[in-house]
Protein backbone atom coordinates (compact mmCIF):
# COMPACT_ATOMS: atom_id res chain seq x y z
CA UNK A 1 0.00 0.00 0.00
CA UNK A 2 1.42 3.43 -0.91
CA UNK A 3 1.32 6.25 1.60
CA UNK A 4 -0.44 9.52 0.75
CA UNK A 5 1.40 12.77 0.18
CA UNK A 6 0.02 14.01 3.53
CA UNK A 7 1.49 11.01 5.34
CA UNK A 8 4.87 11.48 3.63
CA UNK A 9 4.81 15.19 4.52
CA UNK A 10 4.07 14.42 8.15
CA UNK A 11 7.01 12.02 8.25
CA UNK A 12 9.32 14.73 6.92
CA UNK A 13 8.10 17.13 9.57
CA UNK A 14 8.74 14.52 12.25
CA UNK A 15 12.19 13.91 10.84
CA UNK A 16 12.90 17.64 10.86
CA UNK A 17 11.84 17.87 14.51
CA UNK A 18 14.05 14.93 15.43
CA UNK A 19 17.02 16.53 13.67
CA UNK A 20 16.41 19.85 15.42
CA UNK A 21 16.15 18.18 18.83
CA UNK A 22 19.29 16.14 18.11
CA UNK A 23 21.14 19.29 17.12
CA UNK A 24 20.08 21.07 20.30
CA UNK A 25 21.15 18.13 22.44
CA UNK A 26 24.46 17.84 20.64
CA UNK A 27 25.13 21.56 21.11
CA UNK A 28 24.24 21.30 24.78
CA UNK A 29 26.55 18.32 25.29
CA UNK A 30 29.35 20.09 23.43
CA UNK A 31 28.96 23.13 25.66
CA UNK A 32 29.01 20.95 28.76
CA UNK A 33 32.09 19.13 27.47
CA UNK A 34 33.91 22.41 26.83
CA UNK A 35 32.97 23.68 30.28
CA UNK A 36 34.12 20.44 31.86
CA UNK A 37 37.45 20.60 30.06
CA UNK A 38 37.98 24.13 31.30
CA UNK A 39 37.11 23.13 34.85
CA UNK A 40 39.45 20.14 34.74
CA UNK A 41 42.27 22.30 33.38
CA UNK A 42 41.76 24.80 36.18
CA UNK A 43 41.75 22.00 38.75
CA UNK A 44 45.01 20.65 37.32
CA UNK A 45 46.53 24.15 37.45
CA UNK A 46 45.54 24.59 41.08
CA UNK A 47 46.99 21.18 41.92
CA UNK A 48 50.19 22.18 40.11
CA UNK A 49 50.41 25.37 42.16
CA UNK A 50 49.97 23.35 45.36
CA UNK A 51 52.69 20.95 44.23
CA UNK A 52 54.97 23.88 43.41
CA UNK A 53 54.49 25.36 46.87
CA UNK A 54 55.35 22.02 48.44
CA UNK A 55 58.49 21.86 46.31
CA UNK A 56 59.48 25.35 47.48
CA UNK A 57 58.98 24.40 51.13
CA UNK A 58 60.99 21.23 50.52
CA UNK A 59 63.80 23.18 48.86
CA UNK A 60 63.92 25.59 51.81
CA UNK A 61 64.17 22.69 54.27
CA UNK A 62 66.94 21.08 52.24
CA UNK A 63 68.94 24.20 51.36
CA UNK A 64 68.10 26.65 54.13
CA UNK A 65 66.67 29.15 51.66
CA UNK A 66 64.17 29.57 48.86
CA UNK A 67 65.36 29.15 45.25
CA UNK A 68 65.99 32.10 42.96
CA UNK A 69 63.83 32.43 39.82
CA UNK A 70 64.87 30.95 36.48
CA UNK A 71 65.48 33.09 33.40
CA UNK A 72 62.08 33.24 31.63
CA UNK A 73 63.54 34.07 28.20
CA UNK A 74 65.46 30.83 27.65
CA UNK A 75 64.20 28.18 25.25
CA UNK A 76 63.52 24.94 27.12
CA UNK A 77 65.98 23.17 24.78
CA UNK A 78 68.83 24.99 26.51
CA UNK A 79 70.44 23.02 29.32
CA UNK A 80 70.29 25.90 31.79
CA UNK A 81 66.62 26.65 31.13
CA UNK A 82 64.57 26.08 34.25
CA UNK A 83 67.61 26.29 36.55
CA UNK A 84 67.58 28.92 39.29
CA UNK A 85 69.75 31.91 38.46
CA UNK A 86 70.40 34.26 41.38
CA UNK A 87 72.19 36.72 39.09
CA UNK A 88 68.97 37.57 37.26
CA UNK A 89 67.17 39.25 40.16
CA UNK A 90 64.12 38.31 42.18
CA UNK A 91 61.57 37.93 39.37
CA UNK A 92 61.28 35.37 36.57
CA UNK A 93 59.72 31.94 36.26
CA UNK A 94 59.59 29.05 38.69
CA UNK A 95 62.87 27.08 38.32
CA UNK A 96 61.16 23.88 37.24
CA UNK A 97 64.32 21.88 36.61
CA UNK A 98 65.85 22.87 39.93
CA UNK A 99 62.66 21.73 41.67
CA UNK A 100 61.98 18.72 39.38
CA UNK A 101 58.55 20.08 38.41
CA UNK A 102 56.58 20.31 35.15
CA UNK A 103 57.68 23.24 33.02
CA UNK A 104 54.29 24.66 32.07
CA UNK A 105 50.75 24.85 33.37
CA UNK A 106 47.85 23.09 31.56
CA UNK A 107 47.67 25.97 29.07
CA UNK A 108 51.33 25.82 28.04
CA UNK A 109 52.66 28.80 30.03
CA UNK A 110 55.47 28.77 32.57
CA UNK A 111 54.62 29.76 36.12
CA UNK A 112 55.80 33.25 37.02
CA UNK A 113 57.74 33.43 40.28
CA UNK A 114 58.86 36.31 42.44
CA UNK A 115 60.76 35.92 45.70
CA UNK A 116 61.98 38.34 48.38
CA UNK A 117 65.75 38.61 48.19
CA UNK A 118 66.42 37.98 51.87
CA UNK A 119 64.84 34.53 51.54
CA UNK A 120 67.22 33.39 48.79
CA UNK A 121 70.41 34.24 50.69
CA UNK A 122 72.79 31.35 51.32
CA UNK A 123 73.19 30.38 54.99
CA UNK A 124 76.40 31.78 56.40
CA UNK A 125 78.39 31.85 59.62
CA UNK A 126 77.37 28.37 60.67
CA UNK A 127 73.64 29.18 60.36
CA UNK A 128 71.22 26.54 59.09
CA UNK A 129 69.18 29.07 57.15
CA UNK A 130 69.81 32.25 55.22
CA UNK A 131 66.89 33.98 56.94
CA UNK A 132 65.55 34.19 60.48
CA UNK A 133 62.19 33.90 62.19
CA UNK A 134 61.92 37.67 62.37
CA UNK A 135 62.57 38.26 58.66
CA UNK A 136 59.58 39.48 56.66
CA UNK A 137 58.92 39.20 52.95
CA UNK A 138 58.30 42.15 50.66
CA UNK A 139 55.41 40.86 48.53
CA UNK A 140 51.69 41.64 48.88
CA UNK A 141 48.46 40.19 47.47
CA UNK A 142 45.49 42.46 46.74
CA UNK A 143 41.96 41.66 45.49
CA UNK A 144 42.25 44.00 42.49
CA UNK A 145 44.42 46.75 41.06
CA UNK A 146 41.73 49.27 42.01
CA UNK A 147 42.29 48.91 45.78
CA UNK A 148 45.03 49.06 48.38
CA UNK A 149 43.31 46.50 50.62
CA UNK A 150 45.51 43.44 51.05
CA UNK A 151 44.58 39.77 51.00
CA UNK A 152 48.04 38.82 52.31
CA UNK A 153 51.15 40.86 52.98
CA UNK A 154 54.90 40.63 53.67
CA UNK A 155 55.15 37.32 51.79
CA UNK A 156 58.42 35.54 50.97
CA UNK A 157 57.37 34.34 47.50
CA UNK A 158 54.46 34.35 45.00
CA UNK A 159 53.66 32.05 42.06
CA UNK A 160 51.29 32.91 39.20
CA UNK A 161 49.65 30.76 36.56
CA UNK A 162 48.53 33.10 33.78
CA UNK A 163 45.41 31.08 33.11
CA UNK A 164 43.68 29.89 29.99
CA UNK A 165 44.33 33.09 28.04
CA UNK A 166 48.03 32.95 28.98
CA UNK A 167 48.41 36.72 28.80
CA UNK A 168 51.64 37.90 30.37
CA UNK A 169 53.11 34.40 30.64
CA UNK A 170 56.21 32.87 29.05
CA UNK A 171 55.99 29.90 26.72
CA UNK A 172 58.49 27.03 26.40
CA UNK A 173 60.38 28.83 23.65
CA UNK A 174 61.08 31.75 25.97
CA UNK A 175 58.67 34.05 24.17
CA UNK A 176 56.21 36.07 26.20
CA UNK A 177 52.51 36.43 25.48
CA UNK A 178 51.19 40.02 25.39
CA UNK A 179 50.19 41.42 28.77
CA UNK A 180 46.54 41.39 29.72
CA UNK A 181 44.42 44.19 31.13
CA UNK A 182 44.60 45.81 34.59
CA UNK A 183 44.71 42.93 37.11
CA UNK A 184 46.41 40.47 34.76
CA UNK A 185 49.00 43.11 33.89
CA UNK A 186 49.61 43.54 37.62
CA UNK A 187 50.56 39.87 37.83
CA UNK A 188 52.88 40.08 34.83
CA UNK A 189 55.00 43.15 35.60
CA UNK A 190 57.36 41.38 38.01
CA UNK A 191 56.48 43.80 40.80
CA UNK A 192 54.47 43.68 43.99
CA UNK A 193 51.55 43.71 44.62
CA UNK A 194 49.95 40.71 42.92
CA UNK A 195 46.24 40.21 42.32
CA UNK A 196 44.19 37.27 43.53
CA UNK A 197 40.45 37.36 42.77
CA UNK A 198 37.65 35.34 41.14
CA UNK A 199 37.85 35.00 37.33
CA UNK A 200 35.79 36.94 34.83
CA UNK A 201 36.03 37.90 31.15
CA UNK A 202 39.17 39.97 31.77
CA UNK A 203 40.93 37.89 34.44
CA UNK A 204 41.73 34.19 34.72
CA UNK A 205 45.06 34.13 36.57
CA UNK A 206 45.64 31.74 39.46
CA UNK A 207 47.88 32.92 42.29
CA UNK A 208 49.58 31.07 45.15
CA UNK A 209 52.10 32.12 47.76
CA UNK A 210 54.44 30.95 50.49
CA UNK A 211 52.75 31.44 53.87
CA UNK A 212 55.34 32.79 56.36
CA UNK A 213 53.97 30.86 59.35
CA UNK A 214 53.97 27.60 57.38
CA UNK A 215 57.53 28.21 56.17
CA UNK A 216 58.78 29.01 59.67
CA UNK A 217 56.98 26.07 61.24
CA UNK A 218 58.47 23.62 58.76
CA UNK A 219 61.94 25.12 59.07
CA UNK A 220 61.72 24.87 62.87
CA UNK A 221 60.57 21.25 62.67
CA UNK A 222 63.50 20.45 60.36
CA UNK A 223 65.99 22.14 62.67
CA UNK A 224 66.80 24.82 60.13
CA UNK A 225 65.66 27.65 62.41
CA UNK A 226 66.40 27.98 66.13
């Protein structure tokens, strides 16, 4: 039995509806998948920052000081890339080779690293550490470049992941991405203060720092501080 034109037309309409619904579902799933990938990347970056802090505490316990930054402009193919270099000042990238850490964050940028000079000094005169319990850092964290209110102050060291957009960060070839706007630019200029705040369309950096009380407690427990 042949179907009427009306029946065939109704079937085409049904097919069109099915295709539309399928397209909507596929788009929804794609959006969820993209959002999930972003969330997972951010979680990995935060875990990497935590691991980096632990490596810094471990280095301090072992060496009696915090490491100097590595030169951010070196291509990772160079043997000295990722090695701390105290001749380059107090700002650069985390010395990943010195600390046996991954070179880049999940978005392919090196972690920026700034450290207070007095915390990188070699122990001298029979001391077990290059700094004392009374020494204070010089770095501050603020909730935005528009305010002088501090989230944390007098910190020994700060680490920054420049987020998914990577603005202001250094890539593995030693090339730097253009600086971002306002708060992201604050985290990329190698100067204190640094910004730590929730992300939005103009900010996706992740910031972590050495907590002075944690550093001192661990150094005391290890016998590095009196």
